[in-house]
Amino acid sequence: MKKLFALFIVAGMVAFVACGPSAKEKAAEKAKQDSIAQADSMRKVDSIALIEKAKQDSVAKADSIAKAATEKKAPEKKKK
């Protein structure tokens, strides 16, 4: 009976190991995860670029508003 029980234990361990993912499946999953990570980092870079562009636009707009305000306060003298 002990030998039969030991045989079932060994057969169960072999079956458990055999049911795991193969090296090819592991490599495919790793490639998928790497691709996802790369896409996420690209999205972050794009977001940062958009934020920087918005900052530059708002600074340019503020500068033009300030320039317009100073021109209104001190109009140029007309030449005769």
PDB file of N, CA and C in Angstrom:
ATOM      1  N   MET A   1       0.821  -1.190   0.000  1.00  0.00           N
ATOM      2  CA  MET A   1       0.000   0.000   0.000  1.00  0.00           C
ATOM      3  C   MET A   1       0.870   1.261   0.000  1.00  0.00           C
ATOM      4  N   LYS A   2       1.982   1.224   0.759  1.00  0.00           N
ATOM      5  CA  LYS A   2       2.862   2.382   0.815  1.00  0.00           C
ATOM      6  C   LYS A   2       3.425   2.701  -0.572  1.00  0.00           C
ATOM      7  N   LYS A   3       3.801   1.647  -1.323  1.00  0.00           N
ATOM      8  CA  LYS A   3       4.373   1.864  -2.645  1.00  0.00           C
ATOM      9  C   LYS A   3       3.336   2.451  -3.593  1.00  0.00           C
ATOM     10  N   LEU A   4       2.115   2.004  -3.484  1.00  0.00           N
ATOM     11  CA  LEU A   4       1.038   2.527  -4.327  1.00  0.00           C
ATOM     12  C   LEU A   4       0.775   3.995  -4.001  1.00  0.00           C
ATOM     13  N   PHE A   5       0.768   4.325  -2.719  1.00  0.00           N
ATOM     14  CA  PHE A   5       0.579   5.707  -2.301  1.00  0.00           C
ATOM     15  C   PHE A   5       1.737   6.588  -2.801  1.00  0.00           C
ATOM     16  N   ALA A   6       2.962   6.100  -2.682  1.00  0.00           N
ATOM     17  CA  ALA A   6       4.135   6.843  -3.154  1.00  0.00           C
ATOM     18  C   ALA A   6       4.059   7.029  -4.666  1.00  0.00           C
ATOM     19  N   LEU A   7       3.587   6.024  -5.373  1.00  0.00           N
ATOM     20  CA  LEU A   7       3.445   6.119  -6.833  1.00  0.00           C
ATOM     21  C   LEU A   7       2.429   7.204  -7.204  1.00  0.00           C
ATOM     22  N   PHE A   8       1.324   7.266  -6.495  1.00  0.00           N
ATOM     23  CA  PHE A   8       0.324   8.311  -6.752  1.00  0.00           C
ATOM     24  C   PHE A   8       0.882   9.712  -6.447  1.00  0.00           C
ATOM     25  N   ILE A   9       1.646   9.813  -5.387  1.00  0.00           N
ATOM     26  CA  ILE A   9       2.253  11.105  -5.034  1.00  0.00           C
ATOM     27  C   ILE A   9       3.200  11.560  -6.146  1.00  0.00           C
ATOM     28  N   VAL A  10       4.062  10.668  -6.608  1.00  0.00           N
ATOM     29  CA  VAL A  10       5.021  11.005  -7.666  1.00  0.00           C
ATOM     30  C   VAL A  10       4.277  11.343  -8.948  1.00  0.00           C
ATOM     31  N   ALA A  11       3.248  10.564  -9.287  1.00  0.00           N
ATOM     32  CA  ALA A  11       2.470  10.831 -10.499  1.00  0.00           C
ATOM     33  C   ALA A  11       1.773  12.192 -10.393  1.00  0.00           C
ATOM     34  N   GLY A  12       1.275  12.524  -9.226  1.00  0.00           N
ATOM     35  CA  GLY A  12       0.629  13.815  -9.016  1.00  0.00           C
ATOM     36  C   GLY A  12       1.611  14.966  -9.160  1.00  0.00           C
ATOM     37  N   MET A  13       2.814  14.810  -8.645  1.00  0.00           N
ATOM     38  CA  MET A  13       3.837  15.855  -8.771  1.00  0.00           C
ATOM     39  C   MET A  13       4.242  16.055 -10.228  1.00  0.00           C
ATOM     40  N   VAL A  14       4.399  14.958 -10.956  1.00  0.00           N
ATOM     41  CA  VAL A  14       4.761  15.050 -12.369  1.00  0.00           C
ATOM     42  C   VAL A  14       3.641  15.733 -13.147  1.00  0.00           C
ATOM     43  N   ALA A  15       2.396  15.381 -12.865  1.00  0.00           N
ATOM     44  CA  ALA A  15       1.256  15.988 -13.555  1.00  0.00           C
ATOM     45  C   ALA A  15       1.167  17.472 -13.232  1.00  0.00           C
ATOM     46  N   PHE A  16       1.451  17.841 -11.988  1.00  0.00           N
ATOM     47  CA  PHE A  16       1.387  19.245 -11.583  1.00  0.00           C
ATOM     48  C   PHE A  16       2.442  20.069 -12.317  1.00  0.00           C
ATOM     49  N   VAL A  17       3.646  19.557 -12.411  1.00  0.00           N
ATOM     50  CA  VAL A  17       4.728  20.266 -13.099  1.00  0.00           C
ATOM     51  C   VAL A  17       4.451  20.341 -14.593  1.00  0.00           C
ATOM     52  N   ALA A  18       3.897  19.293 -15.157  1.00  0.00           N
ATOM     53  CA  ALA A  18       3.633  19.249 -16.599  1.00  0.00           C
ATOM     54  C   ALA A  18       2.537  20.223 -17.007  1.00  0.00           C
ATOM     55  N   CYS A  19       1.684  20.593 -16.093  1.00  0.00           N
ATOM     56  CA  CYS A  19       0.566  21.488 -16.417  1.00  0.00           C
ATOM     57  C   CYS A  19       0.962  22.966 -16.420  1.00  0.00           C
ATOM     58  N   GLY A  20       2.165  23.284 -16.021  1.00  0.00           N
ATOM     59  CA  GLY A  20       2.608  24.676 -15.972  1.00  0.00           C
ATOM     60  C   GLY A  20       2.850  25.228 -17.373  1.00  0.00           C
ATOM     61  N   PRO A  21       3.040  26.538 -17.468  1.00  0.00           N
ATOM     62  CA  PRO A  21       3.281  27.153 -18.772  1.00  0.00           C
ATOM     63  C   PRO A  21       4.649  26.741 -19.325  1.00  0.00           C
ATOM     64  N   SER A  22       4.716  26.623 -20.641  1.00  0.00           N
ATOM     65  CA  SER A  22       5.976  26.261 -21.279  1.00  0.00           C
ATOM     66  C   SER A  22       6.865  27.499 -21.377  1.00  0.00           C
ATOM     67  N   ALA A  23       8.111  27.288 -21.748  1.00  0.00           N
ATOM     68  CA  ALA A  23       9.046  28.402 -21.893  1.00  0.00           C
ATOM     69  C   ALA A  23       8.567  29.356 -22.984  1.00  0.00           C
ATOM     70  N   LYS A  24       7.975  28.803 -24.023  1.00  0.00           N
ATOM     71  CA  LYS A  24       7.462  29.637 -25.121  1.00  0.00           C
ATOM     72  C   LYS A  24       6.319  30.529 -24.631  1.00  0.00           C
ATOM     73  N   GLU A  25       5.438  29.972 -23.813  1.00  0.00           N
ATOM     74  CA  GLU A  25       4.331  30.754 -23.261  1.00  0.00           C
ATOM     75  C   GLU A  25       4.842  31.837 -22.299  1.00  0.00           C
ATOM     76  N   LYS A  26       5.862  31.492 -21.515  1.00  0.00           N
ATOM     77  CA  LYS A  26       6.449  32.472 -20.604  1.00  0.00           C
ATOM     78  C   LYS A  26       7.080  33.616 -21.378  1.00  0.00           C
ATOM     79  N   ALA A  27       7.791  33.289 -22.468  1.00  0.00           N
ATOM     80  CA  ALA A  27       8.430  34.325 -23.287  1.00  0.00           C
ATOM     81  C   ALA A  27       7.382  35.221 -23.936  1.00  0.00           C
ATOM     82  N   ALA A  28       6.282  34.630 -24.410  1.00  0.00           N
ATOM     83  CA  ALA A  28       5.218  35.412 -25.027  1.00  0.00           C
ATOM     84  C   ALA A  28       4.576  36.355 -24.006  1.00  0.00           C
ATOM     85  N   GLU A  29       4.368  35.886 -22.799  1.00  0.00           N
ATOM     86  CA  GLU A  29       3.778  36.724 -21.746  1.00  0.00           C
ATOM     87  C   GLU A  29       4.724  37.862 -21.368  1.00  0.00           C
ATOM     88  N   LYS A  30       6.040  37.566 -21.295  1.00  0.00           N
ATOM     89  CA  LYS A  30       7.014  38.597 -20.977  1.00  0.00           C
ATOM     90  C   LYS A  30       7.049  39.655 -22.083  1.00  0.00           C
ATOM     91  N   ALA A  31       6.993  39.225 -23.337  1.00  0.00           N
ATOM     92  CA  ALA A  31       6.989  40.172 -24.455  1.00  0.00           C
ATOM     93  C   ALA A  31       5.748  41.054 -24.407  1.00  0.00           C
ATOM     94  N   LYS A  32       4.623  40.462 -24.048  1.00  0.00           N
ATOM     95  CA  LYS A  32       3.371  41.219 -23.937  1.00  0.00           C
ATOM     96  C   LYS A  32       3.480  42.267 -22.836  1.00  0.00           C
ATOM     97  N   GLN A  33       4.017  41.883 -21.679  1.00  0.00           N
ATOM     98  CA  GLN A  33       4.169  42.812 -20.565  1.00  0.00           C
ATOM     99  C   GLN A  33       5.152  43.935 -20.908  1.00  0.00           C
ATOM    100  N   ASP A  34       6.232  43.592 -21.622  1.00  0.00           N
ATOM    101  CA  ASP A  34       7.201  44.615 -22.042  1.00  0.00           C
ATOM    102  C   ASP A  34       6.562  45.611 -22.995  1.00  0.00           C
ATOM    103  N   SER A  35       5.729  45.094 -23.899  1.00  0.00           N
ATOM    104  CA  SER A  35       5.046  45.962 -24.855  1.00  0.00           C
ATOM    105  C   SER A  35       4.087  46.916 -24.144  1.00  0.00           C
ATOM    106  N   ILE A  36       3.377  46.410 -23.176  1.00  0.00           N
ATOM    107  CA  ILE A  36       2.447  47.232 -22.402  1.00  0.00           C
ATOM    108  C   ILE A  36       3.216  48.309 -21.629  1.00  0.00           C
ATOM    109  N   ALA A  37       4.333  47.919 -21.029  1.00  0.00           N
ATOM    110  CA  ALA A  37       5.146  48.883 -20.272  1.00  0.00           C
ATOM    111  C   ALA A  37       5.688  49.979 -21.191  1.00  0.00           C
ATOM    112  N   GLN A  38       6.115  49.593 -22.390  1.00  0.00           N
ATOM    113  CA  GLN A  38       6.633  50.583 -23.338  1.00  0.00           C
ATOM    114  C   GLN A  38       5.532  51.547 -23.771  1.00  0.00           C
ATOM    115  N   ALA A  39       4.333  51.021 -24.042  1.00  0.00           N
ATOM    116  CA  ALA A  39       3.216  51.875 -24.448  1.00  0.00           C
ATOM    117  C   ALA A  39       2.850  52.847 -23.326  1.00  0.00           C
ATOM    118  N   ASP A  40       2.867  52.372 -22.088  1.00  0.00           N
ATOM    119  CA  ASP A  40       2.571  53.250 -20.953  1.00  0.00           C
ATOM    120  C   ASP A  40       3.602  54.364 -20.824  1.00  0.00           C
ATOM    121  N   SER A  41       4.871  54.032 -21.001  1.00  0.00           N
ATOM    122  CA  SER A  41       5.899  55.064 -20.889  1.00  0.00           C
ATOM    123  C   SER A  41       5.785  56.071 -22.026  1.00  0.00           C
ATOM    124  N   MET A  42       5.418  55.614 -23.224  1.00  0.00           N
ATOM    125  CA  MET A  42       5.229  56.525 -24.355  1.00  0.00           C
ATOM    126  C   MET A  42       4.058  57.464 -24.067  1.00  0.00           C
ATOM    127  N   ARG A  43       2.998  56.933 -23.476  1.00  0.00           N
ATOM    128  CA  ARG A  43       1.828  57.747 -23.148  1.00  0.00           C
ATOM    129  C   ARG A  43       2.206  58.817 -22.134  1.00  0.00           C
ATOM    130  N   LYS A  44       3.045  58.462 -21.156  1.00  0.00           N
ATOM    131  CA  LYS A  44       3.481  59.435 -20.157  1.00  0.00           C
ATOM    132  C   LYS A  44       4.306  60.535 -20.804  1.00  0.00           C
ATOM    133  N   VAL A  45       5.187  60.169 -21.732  1.00  0.00           N
ATOM    134  CA  VAL A  45       6.011  61.158 -22.425  1.00  0.00           C
ATOM    135  C   VAL A  45       5.124  62.096 -23.229  1.00  0.00           C
ATOM    136  N   ASP A  46       4.119  61.537 -23.920  1.00  0.00           N
ATOM    137  CA  ASP A  46       3.196  62.367 -24.687  1.00  0.00           C
ATOM    138  C   ASP A  46       2.438  63.330 -23.779  1.00  0.00           C
ATOM    139  N   SER A  47       2.025  62.855 -22.618  1.00  0.00           N
ATOM    140  CA  SER A  47       1.295  63.697 -21.677  1.00  0.00           C
ATOM    141  C   SER A  47       2.177  64.835 -21.177  1.00  0.00           C
ATOM    142  N   ILE A  48       3.424  64.528 -20.885  1.00  0.00           N
ATOM    143  CA  ILE A  48       4.340  65.562 -20.413  1.00  0.00           C
ATOM    144  C   ILE A  48       4.561  66.602 -21.500  1.00  0.00           C
ATOM    145  N   ALA A  49       4.700  66.144 -22.743  1.00  0.00           N
ATOM    146  CA  ALA A  49       4.890  67.078 -23.857  1.00  0.00           C
ATOM    147  C   ALA A  49       3.677  67.983 -24.013  1.00  0.00           C
ATOM    148  N   LEU A  50       2.484  67.432 -23.867  1.00  0.00           N
ATOM    149  CA  LEU A  50       1.266  68.247 -23.968  1.00  0.00           C
ATOM    150  C   LEU A  50       1.192  69.277 -22.845  1.00  0.00           C
ATOM    151  N   ILE A  51       1.590  68.889 -21.660  1.00  0.00           N
ATOM    152  CA  ILE A  51       1.579  69.816 -20.525  1.00  0.00           C
ATOM    153  C   ILE A  51       2.571  70.951 -20.762  1.00  0.00           C
ATOM    154  N   GLU A  52       3.765  70.617 -21.245  1.00  0.00           N
ATOM    155  CA  GLU A  52       4.758  71.651 -21.531  1.00  0.00           C
ATOM    156  C   GLU A  52       4.260  72.603 -22.610  1.00  0.00           C
ATOM    157  N   LYS A  53       3.621  72.078 -23.644  1.00  0.00           N
ATOM    158  CA  LYS A  53       3.086  72.919 -24.719  1.00  0.00           C
ATOM    159  C   LYS A  53       2.011  73.855 -24.164  1.00  0.00           C
ATOM    160  N   ALA A  54       1.144  73.334 -23.301  1.00  0.00           N
ATOM    161  CA  ALA A  54       0.094  74.162 -22.695  1.00  0.00           C
ATOM    162  C   ALA A  54       0.706  75.271 -21.840  1.00  0.00           C
ATOM    163  N   LYS A  55       1.769  74.955 -21.107  1.00  0.00           N
ATOM    164  CA  LYS A  55       2.441  75.969 -20.293  1.00  0.00           C
ATOM    165  C   LYS A  55       3.006  77.079 -21.176  1.00  0.00           C
ATOM    166  N   GLN A  56       3.664  76.670 -22.263  1.00  0.00           N
ATOM    167  CA  GLN A  56       4.247  77.658 -23.178  1.00  0.00           C
ATOM    168  C   GLN A  56       3.154  78.529 -23.794  1.00  0.00           C
ATOM    169  N   ASP A  57       2.038  77.909 -24.179  1.00  0.00           N
ATOM    170  CA  ASP A  57       0.932  78.663 -24.758  1.00  0.00           C
ATOM    171  C   ASP A  57       0.365  79.669 -23.764  1.00  0.00           C
ATOM    172  N   SER A  58       0.212  79.246 -22.502  1.00  0.00           N
ATOM    173  CA  SER A  58      -0.361  80.159 -21.517  1.00  0.00           C
ATOM    174  C   SER A  58       0.605  81.303 -21.206  1.00  0.00           C
ATOM    175  N   VAL A  59       1.905  81.025 -21.200  1.00  0.00           N
ATOM    176  CA  VAL A  59       2.892  82.093 -20.970  1.00  0.00           C
ATOM    177  C   VAL A  59       2.850  83.075 -22.132  1.00  0.00           C
ATOM    178  N   ALA A  60       2.777  82.559 -23.358  1.00  0.00           N
ATOM    179  CA  ALA A  60       2.722  83.431 -24.526  1.00  0.00           C
ATOM    180  C   ALA A  60       1.457  84.285 -24.500  1.00  0.00           C
ATOM    181  N   LYS A  61       0.347  83.678 -24.100  1.00  0.00           N
ATOM    182  CA  LYS A  61      -0.915  84.415 -24.025  1.00  0.00           C
ATOM    183  C   LYS A  61      -0.830  85.495 -22.948  1.00  0.00           C
ATOM    184  N   ALA A  62      -0.251  85.163 -21.808  1.00  0.00           N
ATOM    185  CA  ALA A  62      -0.105  86.145 -20.723  1.00  0.00           C
ATOM    186  C   ALA A  62       0.801  87.291 -21.165  1.00  0.00           C
ATOM    187  N   ASP A  63       1.857  86.964 -21.902  1.00  0.00           N
ATOM    188  CA  ASP A  63       2.752  88.019 -22.398  1.00  0.00           C
ATOM    189  C   ASP A  63       2.023  88.940 -23.367  1.00  0.00           C
ATOM    190  N   SER A  64       1.227  88.367 -24.258  1.00  0.00           N
ATOM    191  CA  SER A  64       0.519  89.214 -25.226  1.00  0.00           C
ATOM    192  C   SER A  64      -0.545  90.065 -24.540  1.00  0.00           C
ATOM    193  N   ILE A  65      -1.177  89.539 -23.509  1.00  0.00           N
ATOM    194  CA  ILE A  65      -2.169  90.318 -22.758  1.00  0.00           C
ATOM    195  C   ILE A  65      -1.473  91.462 -22.028  1.00  0.00           C
ATOM    196  N   ALA A  66      -0.328  91.177 -21.428  1.00  0.00           N
ATOM    197  CA  ALA A  66       0.418  92.220 -20.713  1.00  0.00           C
ATOM    198  C   ALA A  66       0.894  93.294 -21.685  1.00  0.00           C
ATOM    199  N   LYS A  67       1.344  92.889 -22.855  1.00  0.00           N
ATOM    200  CA  LYS A  67       1.804  93.845 -23.853  1.00  0.00           C
ATOM    201  C   LYS A  67       0.646  94.729 -24.318  1.00  0.00           C
ATOM    202  N   ALA A  68      -0.516  94.120 -24.546  1.00  0.00           N
ATOM    203  CA  ALA A  68      -1.682  94.886 -24.970  1.00  0.00           C
ATOM    204  C   ALA A  68      -2.107  95.870 -23.881  1.00  0.00           C
ATOM    205  N   ALA A  69      -2.019  95.466 -22.647  1.00  0.00           N
ATOM    206  CA  ALA A  69      -2.399  96.341 -21.537  1.00  0.00           C
ATOM    207  C   ALA A  69      -1.453  97.531 -21.430  1.00  0.00           C
ATOM    208  N   THR A  70      -0.168  97.303 -21.626  1.00  0.00           N
ATOM    209  CA  THR A  70       0.780  98.421 -21.531  1.00  0.00           C
ATOM    210  C   THR A  70       0.622  99.361 -22.711  1.00  0.00           C
ATOM    211  N   GLU A  71       0.265  98.843 -23.871  1.00  0.00           N
ATOM    212  CA  GLU A  71       0.056  99.709 -25.038  1.00  0.00           C
ATOM    213  C   GLU A  71      -1.191 100.570 -24.860  1.00  0.00           C
ATOM    214  N   LYS A  72      -2.195 100.050 -24.187  1.00  0.00           N
ATOM    215  CA  LYS A  72      -3.412 100.837 -23.935  1.00  0.00           C
ATOM    216  C   LYS A  72      -3.129 101.973 -22.966  1.00  0.00           C
ATOM    217  N   LYS A  73      -2.310 101.700 -21.953  1.00  0.00           N
ATOM    218  CA  LYS A  73      -2.017 102.709 -20.937  1.00  0.00           C
ATOM    219  C   LYS A  73      -1.150 103.824 -21.493  1.00  0.00           C
ATOM    220  N   ALA A  74      -0.196 103.490 -22.329  1.00  0.00           N
ATOM    221  CA  ALA A  74       0.723 104.500 -22.860  1.00  0.00           C
ATOM    222  C   ALA A  74       0.680 104.462 -24.385  1.00  0.00           C
ATOM    223  N   PRO A  75      -0.317 105.093 -24.995  1.00  0.00           N
ATOM    224  CA  PRO A  75      -0.384 105.085 -26.458  1.00  0.00           C
ATOM    225  C   PRO A  75       0.764 105.889 -27.046  1.00  0.00           C
ATOM    226  N   GLU A  76       1.181 105.464 -28.207  1.00  0.00           N
ATOM    227  CA  GLU A  76       2.298 106.155 -28.867  1.00  0.00           C
ATOM    228  C   GLU A  76       1.842 107.542 -29.320  1.00  0.00           C
ATOM    229  N   LYS A  77       2.766 108.486 -29.295  1.00  0.00           N
ATOM    230  CA  LYS A  77       2.450 109.839 -29.741  1.00  0.00           C
ATOM    231  C   LYS A  77       2.373 109.859 -31.260  1.00  0.00           C
ATOM    232  N   LYS A  78       1.387 110.557 -31.764  1.00  0.00           N
ATOM    233  CA  LYS A  78       1.225 110.640 -33.205  1.00  0.00           C
ATOM    234  C   LYS A  78       2.157 111.693 -33.747  1.00  0.00           C
ATOM    235  N   LYS A  79       2.742 111.383 -34.884  1.00  0.00           N
ATOM    236  CA  LYS A  79       3.639 112.345 -35.529  1.00  0.00           C
ATOM    237  C   LYS A  79       2.825 113.321 -36.351  1.00  0.00           C
ATOM    238  N   LYS A  80       3.255 114.578 -36.347  1.00  0.00           N
ATOM    239  CA  LYS A  80       2.535 115.602 -37.113  1.00  0.00           C
ATOM    240  C   LYS A  80       3.236 115.914 -38.387  1.00  0.00           C
TER     241      LYS A  80
END
